[in-house]
Protein backbone atom coordinates (compact mmCIF):
# COMPACT_ATOMS: atom_id res chain seq x y z
CA MET A 1 -12.24 -12.39 -13.80
CA ILE A 2 -14.85 -10.55 -11.71
CA LYS A 3 -18.39 -10.29 -12.98
CA GLY A 4 -18.97 -6.97 -14.70
CA GLN A 5 -15.33 -6.37 -15.63
CA VAL A 6 -14.34 -6.46 -19.30
CA TYR A 7 -10.81 -6.84 -20.60
CA THR A 8 -10.28 -4.12 -23.18
CA GLN A 9 -6.57 -4.20 -23.90
CA ASN A 10 -7.24 -4.72 -27.62
CA LEU A 11 -9.53 -1.69 -27.91
CA TYR A 12 -7.04 1.05 -26.91
CA THR A 13 -3.31 1.50 -27.14
CA GLU A 14 -1.23 2.12 -24.04
CA GLU A 15 -0.70 5.73 -25.14
CA GLU A 16 -4.45 6.29 -25.53
CA LEU A 17 -5.21 4.76 -22.13
CA LEU A 18 -2.59 6.84 -20.32
CA LYS A 19 -3.56 10.10 -22.00
CA ASN A 20 -7.21 9.60 -21.03
CA HIS A 21 -6.55 8.58 -17.43
CA VAL A 22 -5.20 10.92 -14.75
CA CYS A 23 -3.92 9.17 -11.64
CA MET A 24 -5.11 11.22 -8.68
CA ILE A 25 -2.60 9.94 -6.13
CA PRO A 26 0.27 12.49 -6.67
CA PHE A 27 -2.25 15.35 -6.57
CA LYS A 28 -3.45 14.48 -3.08
CA HIS A 29 -1.03 12.09 -1.40
CA MET A 30 2.52 12.13 -0.04
CA GLU A 31 4.69 9.46 1.58
CA MET A 32 7.15 10.97 4.04
CA PHE A 33 10.49 9.32 4.77
CA LYS A 34 13.33 10.52 7.00
CA ASP A 35 15.27 12.36 4.30
CA LYS A 36 12.88 12.48 1.34
CA ALA A 37 9.29 12.04 0.25
CA THR A 38 7.44 10.51 -2.68
CA LEU A 39 4.02 11.22 -4.15
CA CYS A 40 3.11 7.54 -4.27
CA CYS A 41 4.54 4.19 -3.20
CA GLY A 42 8.32 4.44 -3.55
CA THR A 43 8.50 1.22 -5.56
CA TRP A 44 5.81 2.38 -8.00
CA LEU A 45 7.04 5.95 -8.46
CA LYS A 46 10.79 6.43 -8.91
CA LYS A 47 11.04 10.22 -8.56
CA GLU A 48 12.12 11.27 -5.06
CA LEU A 49 11.46 14.62 -3.39
CA VAL A 50 14.67 15.12 -1.43
CA TYR A 51 14.37 17.36 1.64
CA PRO A 52 16.68 20.39 1.34
CA LYS A 53 18.89 21.27 4.30
CA ASP A 54 19.55 24.68 5.80
CA GLU A 55 22.99 25.94 6.83
CA ASN A 56 22.67 24.07 10.13
CA GLY A 57 21.92 20.79 8.43
CA LYS A 58 18.25 20.83 9.42
CA TYR A 59 15.77 19.37 6.95
CA ASP A 60 12.93 21.32 5.39
CA TYR A 61 10.20 18.69 5.12
CA ASP A 62 7.81 20.83 3.09
CA VAL A 63 8.42 19.53 -0.44
CA TRP A 64 4.77 19.17 -1.48
CA ASN A 65 5.12 21.68 -4.32
CA SER A 66 8.82 21.31 -4.98
CA GLU A 67 10.13 21.33 -8.54
CA ALA A 68 10.39 17.53 -8.48
CA ALA A 69 6.80 17.18 -7.25
CA GLN A 70 5.49 19.37 -10.05
CA GLU A 71 7.49 17.42 -12.63
CA VAL A 72 5.82 14.18 -11.50
CA ARG A 73 2.33 15.68 -11.72
CA GLN A 74 3.00 17.27 -15.12
CA SER A 75 4.15 13.94 -16.54
CA ILE A 76 0.79 12.47 -15.53
CA LEU A 77 -1.20 15.37 -16.94
CA ASP A 78 0.74 14.92 -20.20
CA GLY A 79 -0.21 11.22 -20.23
CA LYS A 80 3.43 10.13 -20.21
CA TYR A 81 3.75 8.80 -16.62
CA THR A 82 7.50 9.23 -17.04
CA TYR A 83 8.46 8.46 -13.45
CA CYS A 84 6.00 5.60 -12.84
CA ASP A 85 6.88 1.92 -13.03
CA LYS A 86 3.99 0.76 -15.19
CA GLN A 87 4.55 -2.90 -14.40
CA ILE A 88 5.09 -2.83 -10.65
CA CYS A 89 2.27 -0.34 -9.96
CA PRO A 90 -0.81 -2.61 -9.80
CA HIS A 91 -3.13 0.20 -10.94
CA LEU A 92 -1.16 1.06 -14.10
CA ASN A 93 -0.45 -2.61 -14.65
CA SER A 94 -4.18 -3.33 -14.66
CA LEU A 95 -5.06 -0.29 -16.77
CA ILE A 96 -2.51 -1.05 -19.50
CA SER A 97 -2.94 -4.84 -19.49
CA THR A 98 -6.70 -5.11 -19.13
CA GLY A 99 -8.29 -1.68 -19.45
CA ILE A 100 -9.66 -2.14 -15.92
CA THR A 101 -9.20 0.70 -13.45
CA ASP A 102 -9.69 0.73 -9.70
CA ARG A 103 -12.32 3.15 -8.48
CA GLY A 104 -10.77 6.12 -6.74
CA ILE A 105 -7.37 5.90 -8.45
CA PHE A 106 -7.94 7.41 -11.91
CA VAL A 107 -10.26 9.98 -13.43
CA LYS A 108 -11.02 9.82 -17.14
CA ARG A 109 -10.46 13.03 -19.04
CA ASP A 110 -13.32 12.37 -21.46
CA ASP A 111 -15.97 12.32 -18.74
CA THR A 112 -14.49 14.46 -15.93
CA ASP A 113 -14.65 18.17 -15.24
CA PHE A 114 -11.90 19.71 -13.12
CA PRO A 115 -11.73 20.43 -10.29
CA HIS A 116 -12.76 16.90 -9.36
CA TYR A 117 -13.49 15.71 -5.84
CA ASP A 118 -12.55 12.14 -4.94
CA PHE A 119 -14.37 9.76 -2.58
CA ASP A 120 -12.73 11.45 0.43
CA ASN A 121 -13.79 14.86 -0.91
CA ILE A 122 -10.18 15.78 -1.67
CA LYS A 123 -9.95 18.35 -4.44
CA ILE A 124 -8.09 17.26 -7.58
CA ASP A 125 -7.24 19.90 -10.20
CA ASP A 126 -5.42 19.62 -13.53
CA ASP A 127 -2.52 21.74 -12.34
CA CYS A 128 0.91 20.52 -11.33
CA TYR A 129 0.95 23.07 -8.47
CA VAL A 130 -1.44 21.97 -5.74
CA LYS A 131 -2.61 24.84 -3.57
CA ASN A 132 -3.84 22.76 -0.65
CA THR A 133 -1.48 20.77 1.57
CA PRO A 134 -1.67 16.97 1.18
CA GLY A 135 -5.08 15.44 1.65
CA SER A 136 -3.47 12.07 2.38
CA LEU A 137 -0.23 11.22 4.21
CA ASN A 138 1.70 7.99 4.68
CA PHE A 139 3.97 7.89 7.72
CA THR A 140 6.96 6.01 6.28
CA PHE A 141 9.75 7.57 8.30
CA ASP A 142 10.24 4.86 10.91
CA TRP A 143 11.52 1.42 9.85
CA SER A 144 11.01 -0.04 13.32
CA CYS A 145 9.49 -3.50 13.10
CA ASN A 146 9.38 -6.61 15.28
CA PHE A 147 9.76 -8.84 12.18
CA LYS A 148 12.71 -9.41 9.85
CA CYS A 149 10.98 -10.66 6.73
CA PRO A 150 13.48 -11.65 3.99
CA SER A 151 11.36 -9.78 1.43
CA CYS A 152 12.01 -6.52 3.31
CA ARG A 153 15.13 -6.64 5.49
CA VAL A 154 17.97 -8.85 6.64
CA ASP A 155 17.71 -8.04 10.36
CA THR A 156 15.33 -6.60 12.92
CA ILE A 157 15.28 -2.80 12.85
CA MET A 158 14.31 -0.74 15.90
CA ALA A 159 14.89 3.02 16.12
CA LYS A 160 17.45 4.04 18.75
CA SER A 161 16.85 6.96 21.12
CA ASP A 162 18.41 9.60 18.85
CA GLU A 163 16.42 8.26 15.90
CA VAL A 164 13.21 8.31 17.93
CA LYS A 165 13.84 12.00 18.63
CA GLU A 166 14.24 12.68 14.89
CA ILE A 167 11.08 10.69 14.07
CA ASP A 168 9.12 12.53 16.76
CA GLY A 169 10.29 15.78 15.12
CA ILE A 170 8.74 14.77 11.79
CA VAL A 171 5.48 13.90 13.55
CA GLU A 172 5.57 17.34 15.17
CA PHE A 173 6.13 18.98 11.76
CA ILE A 174 3.15 17.11 10.32
CA ASN A 175 0.94 18.07 13.27
CA LYS A 176 1.82 21.73 12.77
CA THR A 177 2.00 22.00 8.96
CA TYR A 178 -0.12 19.33 7.28
CA SER A 179 -2.77 18.22 9.78
CA ALA A 180 -5.35 20.97 9.14
CA ASN A 181 -6.20 19.83 5.59
CA CYS A 182 -5.40 16.13 5.83
CA LYS A 183 -8.32 13.75 5.39
CA LYS A 184 -6.48 10.43 5.41
CA ILE A 185 -3.49 9.02 7.29
CA LEU A 186 -1.67 5.77 6.51
CA ILE A 187 0.60 4.23 9.19
CA THR A 188 2.95 2.74 8.11
CA GLY A 189 4.53 1.78 4.82
CA SER A 190 7.96 1.25 6.36
CA GLY A 191 7.63 -0.92 9.46
CA ASP A 192 4.88 -1.67 11.95
CA PRO A 193 2.73 1.01 13.62
CA PHE A 194 2.61 -0.83 16.94
CA ALA A 195 6.31 -1.76 17.02
CA SER A 196 7.34 1.87 16.42
CA LYS A 197 7.61 3.89 19.64
CA SER A 198 6.78 7.13 17.82
CA PHE A 199 3.84 5.82 15.81
CA ARG A 200 2.45 3.93 18.80
CA LYS A 201 2.59 7.15 20.82
CA PHE A 202 0.79 8.99 18.00
CA LEU A 203 -1.98 6.37 17.94
CA PHE A 204 -2.37 6.12 21.72
CA ASN A 205 -2.27 9.91 22.32
CA PHE A 206 -4.09 11.09 19.20
CA GLU A 207 -5.59 14.59 19.41
CA PRO A 208 -8.64 14.89 17.09
CA SER A 209 -8.68 18.68 17.46
CA GLN A 210 -5.40 18.88 15.53
CA TRP A 211 -6.94 16.99 12.59
CA PRO A 212 -10.29 18.73 11.95
CA GLU A 213 -10.75 17.33 8.41
CA LEU A 214 -9.62 13.77 9.13
CA LYS A 215 -11.97 11.07 7.87
CA SER A 216 -9.83 7.94 7.55
CA VAL A 217 -6.89 6.17 9.16
CA GLN A 218 -5.35 3.16 7.44
CA LEU A 219 -3.18 0.88 9.55
CA ILE A 220 -0.61 -1.20 7.67
CA THR A 221 0.69 -3.87 10.00
CA ASN A 222 2.05 -7.38 10.39
CA GLY A 223 -0.75 -7.93 12.89
CA LYS A 224 1.31 -9.34 15.76
CA LEU A 225 0.59 -6.43 18.13
CA PHE A 226 -2.81 -5.48 16.69
CA ASN A 227 -4.73 -7.08 19.53
CA GLU A 228 -7.66 -6.11 21.70
CA LYS A 229 -5.42 -4.70 24.44
CA ASN A 230 -3.64 -2.25 22.13
CA TRP A 231 -6.86 -1.39 20.32
CA ASN A 232 -8.39 -0.33 23.62
CA LEU A 233 -5.42 1.96 24.28
CA MET A 234 -6.17 4.08 21.20
CA LYS A 235 -9.72 5.18 21.95
CA ALA A 236 -9.47 8.67 20.44
CA ILE A 237 -8.39 7.46 17.00
CA GLN A 238 -10.64 4.38 16.86
CA PRO A 239 -13.54 6.07 15.03
CA TYR A 240 -11.21 7.05 12.18
CA VAL A 241 -9.65 3.61 11.65
CA ASP A 242 -11.63 2.32 8.69
CA ILE A 243 -8.96 0.51 6.64
CA VAL A 244 -6.55 -2.19 7.77
CA ASP A 245 -3.85 -3.89 5.71
CA VAL A 246 -2.28 -7.00 7.27
CA SER A 247 0.68 -8.74 5.62
CA ILE A 248 0.70 -12.53 5.98
CA ASP A 249 2.89 -13.91 3.13
CA ALA A 250 2.01 -17.53 3.90
CA GLY A 251 -0.75 -20.10 4.12
CA THR A 252 0.88 -22.42 6.67
CA LYS A 253 2.51 -22.13 10.08
CA ASP A 254 5.88 -23.49 8.95
CA THR A 255 6.28 -21.06 6.04
CA TYR A 256 5.01 -18.12 8.10
CA GLU A 257 7.27 -18.65 11.11
CA ASN A 258 10.38 -20.10 9.46
CA LYS A 259 10.59 -18.67 5.94
CA THR A 260 8.62 -15.51 5.16
CA ARG A 261 7.58 -13.77 8.42
CA LEU A 262 10.53 -14.23 10.75
CA GLY A 263 9.51 -13.03 14.19
CA GLY A 264 5.88 -13.92 13.68
CA HIS A 265 3.73 -16.43 15.53
CA TRP A 266 1.06 -18.21 13.49
CA GLU A 267 -1.51 -18.68 16.25
CA THR A 268 -1.16 -15.02 17.28
CA LEU A 269 -1.74 -13.94 13.68
CA LEU A 270 -4.92 -16.02 13.40
CA LYS A 271 -6.23 -14.78 16.75
CA ASN A 272 -5.59 -11.14 15.87
CA LEU A 273 -7.07 -11.48 12.36
CA LYS A 274 -10.26 -12.84 13.91
CA PHE A 275 -10.34 -9.91 16.34
CA ILE A 276 -9.67 -7.36 13.58
CA SER A 277 -12.52 -8.84 11.52
CA THR A 278 -14.96 -7.89 14.31
CA ILE A 279 -14.05 -4.19 14.53
CA LYS A 280 -17.10 -2.34 13.25
CA SER A 281 -15.39 0.91 12.26
CA ILE A 282 -13.25 -0.97 9.70
CA ASN A 283 -15.04 -1.22 6.36
CA PHE A 284 -12.10 -2.27 4.18
CA PHE A 285 -9.72 -5.13 4.89
CA ARG A 286 -6.69 -5.83 2.70
CA ILE A 287 -4.61 -8.91 3.31
CA SER A 288 -1.24 -8.66 1.58
CA PHE A 289 0.88 -11.53 0.36
CA VAL A 290 4.36 -10.93 -1.09
CA VAL A 291 4.78 -13.84 -3.48
CA GLN A 292 8.18 -15.50 -3.61
CA ASN A 293 9.73 -18.90 -4.21
CA ASP A 294 9.13 -20.01 -0.62
CA ASN A 295 5.38 -19.37 -0.59
CA TYR A 296 3.86 -19.26 -4.08
CA LYS A 297 2.32 -22.70 -3.65
CA GLU A 298 0.36 -21.39 -0.64
CA MET A 299 -1.60 -18.63 -2.40
CA GLU A 300 -4.76 -20.73 -2.50
CA LEU A 301 -4.32 -21.81 1.13
CA ALA A 302 -4.03 -18.15 2.13
CA LEU A 303 -7.18 -17.30 0.18
CA GLU A 304 -9.05 -20.10 1.94
CA LEU A 305 -7.80 -18.88 5.32
CA VAL A 306 -8.72 -15.26 4.69
CA TYR A 307 -12.12 -16.17 3.31
CA ASP A 308 -12.88 -18.32 6.35
CA ILE A 309 -12.00 -15.51 8.79
CA PHE A 310 -13.55 -12.60 6.89
CA LYS A 311 -16.50 -14.21 5.11
CA HIS A 312 -18.96 -12.51 7.48
CA ARG A 313 -17.63 -9.14 6.22
CA ILE A 314 -17.83 -9.99 2.51
CA THR A 315 -20.96 -8.71 0.79
CA ASP A 316 -22.81 -10.46 -2.02
CA ASP A 317 -21.42 -7.86 -4.40
CA ILE A 318 -17.75 -8.87 -4.74
CA ASP A 319 -17.09 -5.62 -6.64
CA SER A 320 -17.70 -3.70 -3.40
CA LYS A 321 -14.19 -4.77 -2.33
CA LYS A 322 -14.81 -4.84 1.42
CA VAL A 323 -12.22 -7.60 1.69
CA VAL A 324 -9.29 -7.69 -0.74
CA MET A 325 -6.50 -10.22 -1.09
CA TYR A 326 -3.46 -8.56 -2.64
CA PHE A 327 -0.72 -10.63 -4.24
CA GLY A 328 2.42 -8.76 -5.25
CA TYR A 329 5.80 -10.00 -6.30
CA ILE A 330 8.91 -9.31 -4.27
CA ASN A 331 10.71 -5.97 -4.65
CA GLN A 332 14.40 -5.27 -4.47
CA TRP A 333 14.88 -2.85 -1.55
CA GLN A 334 18.66 -3.09 -2.07
CA HIS A 335 18.82 -5.47 0.88
CA LEU A 336 19.24 -8.58 -1.28
CA THR A 337 22.13 -9.71 -3.41
CA ASP A 338 21.35 -10.22 -7.09
CA GLU A 339 21.67 -13.96 -6.53
CA ASP A 340 19.19 -13.94 -3.62
CA MET A 341 16.76 -11.80 -5.58
CA MET A 342 16.90 -14.21 -8.51
CA ARG A 343 16.33 -17.16 -6.20
CA MET A 344 13.34 -15.55 -4.49
CA ASP A 345 11.64 -13.77 -7.40
CA VAL A 346 9.49 -16.52 -8.87
CA SER A 347 7.67 -13.94 -11.02
CA ASN A 348 10.83 -13.56 -13.10
CA PRO A 349 10.36 -15.54 -16.36
CA LYS A 350 13.95 -16.76 -15.98
CA HIS A 351 13.21 -18.34 -12.60
CA ILE A 352 13.36 -22.14 -12.60
CA ASN A 353 9.86 -22.33 -11.05
CA HIS A 354 8.22 -19.57 -13.08
CA LYS A 355 6.06 -21.90 -15.19
CA ASP A 356 4.93 -23.69 -12.03
CA PHE A 357 4.14 -20.28 -10.50
CA ILE A 358 1.82 -19.54 -13.43
CA LYS A 359 -0.08 -22.77 -12.65
CA TYR A 360 -0.59 -21.68 -9.06
CA ILE A 361 -1.82 -18.24 -10.14
CA LYS A 362 -4.45 -20.07 -12.17
CA LYS A 363 -5.49 -22.06 -9.09
CA ALA A 364 -5.76 -18.91 -6.98
CA ASP A 365 -7.70 -17.19 -9.76
CA LYS A 366 -10.62 -19.58 -9.16
CA TRP A 367 -11.34 -17.73 -5.91
CA ARG A 368 -12.32 -14.52 -7.70
CA ASP A 369 -16.04 -15.28 -7.39
CA ARG A 370 -15.72 -15.38 -3.58
CA ILE A 371 -13.14 -12.73 -2.70
CA HIS A 372 -11.72 -9.73 -4.52
CA ILE A 373 -8.15 -10.34 -5.71
CA GLN A 374 -5.65 -7.66 -6.68
CA SER A 375 -2.16 -8.18 -8.06
CA ASN A 376 0.55 -6.54 -10.12
CA TRP A 377 0.90 -9.42 -12.57
CA ASN A 378 -1.98 -8.62 -14.90
CA HIS A 379 0.59 -8.55 -17.72
CA LEU A 380 0.94 -12.32 -17.17
CA TYR A 381 -2.77 -12.89 -17.64
CA THR A 382 -2.43 -14.29 -21.15
CA ASN A 383 -0.18 -17.02 -19.80
CA ILE A 384 -2.55 -17.64 -16.89
CA LYS A 385 -5.49 -18.23 -19.21
CA ASN A 386 -3.62 -20.60 -21.49
């Protein structure tokens, strides 16, 4: 447990906590896919905003204030969070299990006046209809990736020429319709920004004049192509890149290359992480680790590795969260059979190694005084402490 944080799950009921906390994400953020959008991570929020088609079969991507979008926001304003997975979402998981909230995610009704402005100066109002276009966008409409991680896909996915044309069309729509008000871009929640032809072109040919309000770009990557050469090819967008999320899913070369990050090269990862740690514009580093049966014993090794590389960027105040290690359990993207999911999902209490997994969480937990740790298993904390 981090100094200054108090577990308060016995002081308030879940209903009281949810009614007093408004999640800001669906009021400012949208994740755009090829045929639909969501107002948060698609595994955390189950309500989809399906793009309608015209008589020619062409998508209308502007679903920001669709009926479905307003239903999601109203459920949050009502304190019901009907469409949210309260266990998988790490923010709701933490709020309900511990009473702890992450800064910038929730506002408390009992000490907030609306409209409220978040850390990025994005306006949040208590209305399910949001007048401004999205203040934050996640480009999740290209699954192209140079890895085939078992936690995500069964084979390498690269967009073909006709798909690239479609993806470029969505980028064009965003540039024309959403760019003027957008303050934050995330690339990408679906693949790798450097492996994608369309996203790489966007990064390398970025036009700041089209994004007058932009303050932040978050790159979500496997790190293999995030090297000094490619960084130097994206000069125009460099000043905006202040957040980087690198997925590693291992603490050893063998597990990384042969079990969890197929297509990856361990030495390249380490070299690129060291380079990324030196980029001055980046003020928030998140290293992600999808925990599964093949790697749960390496959580502490990964923490040691990340701490060694990024310790010069960690401040004395751990709460400042400049460097975060995120552990999340595996999700079913409908790419796994039920048998494979059961074999891999060590967080499942029915898994043969679940009790052993709890022991390794406890070992990893000892690192909390050196590096900030996030997870979506706060509901297991009672077992961890015993």
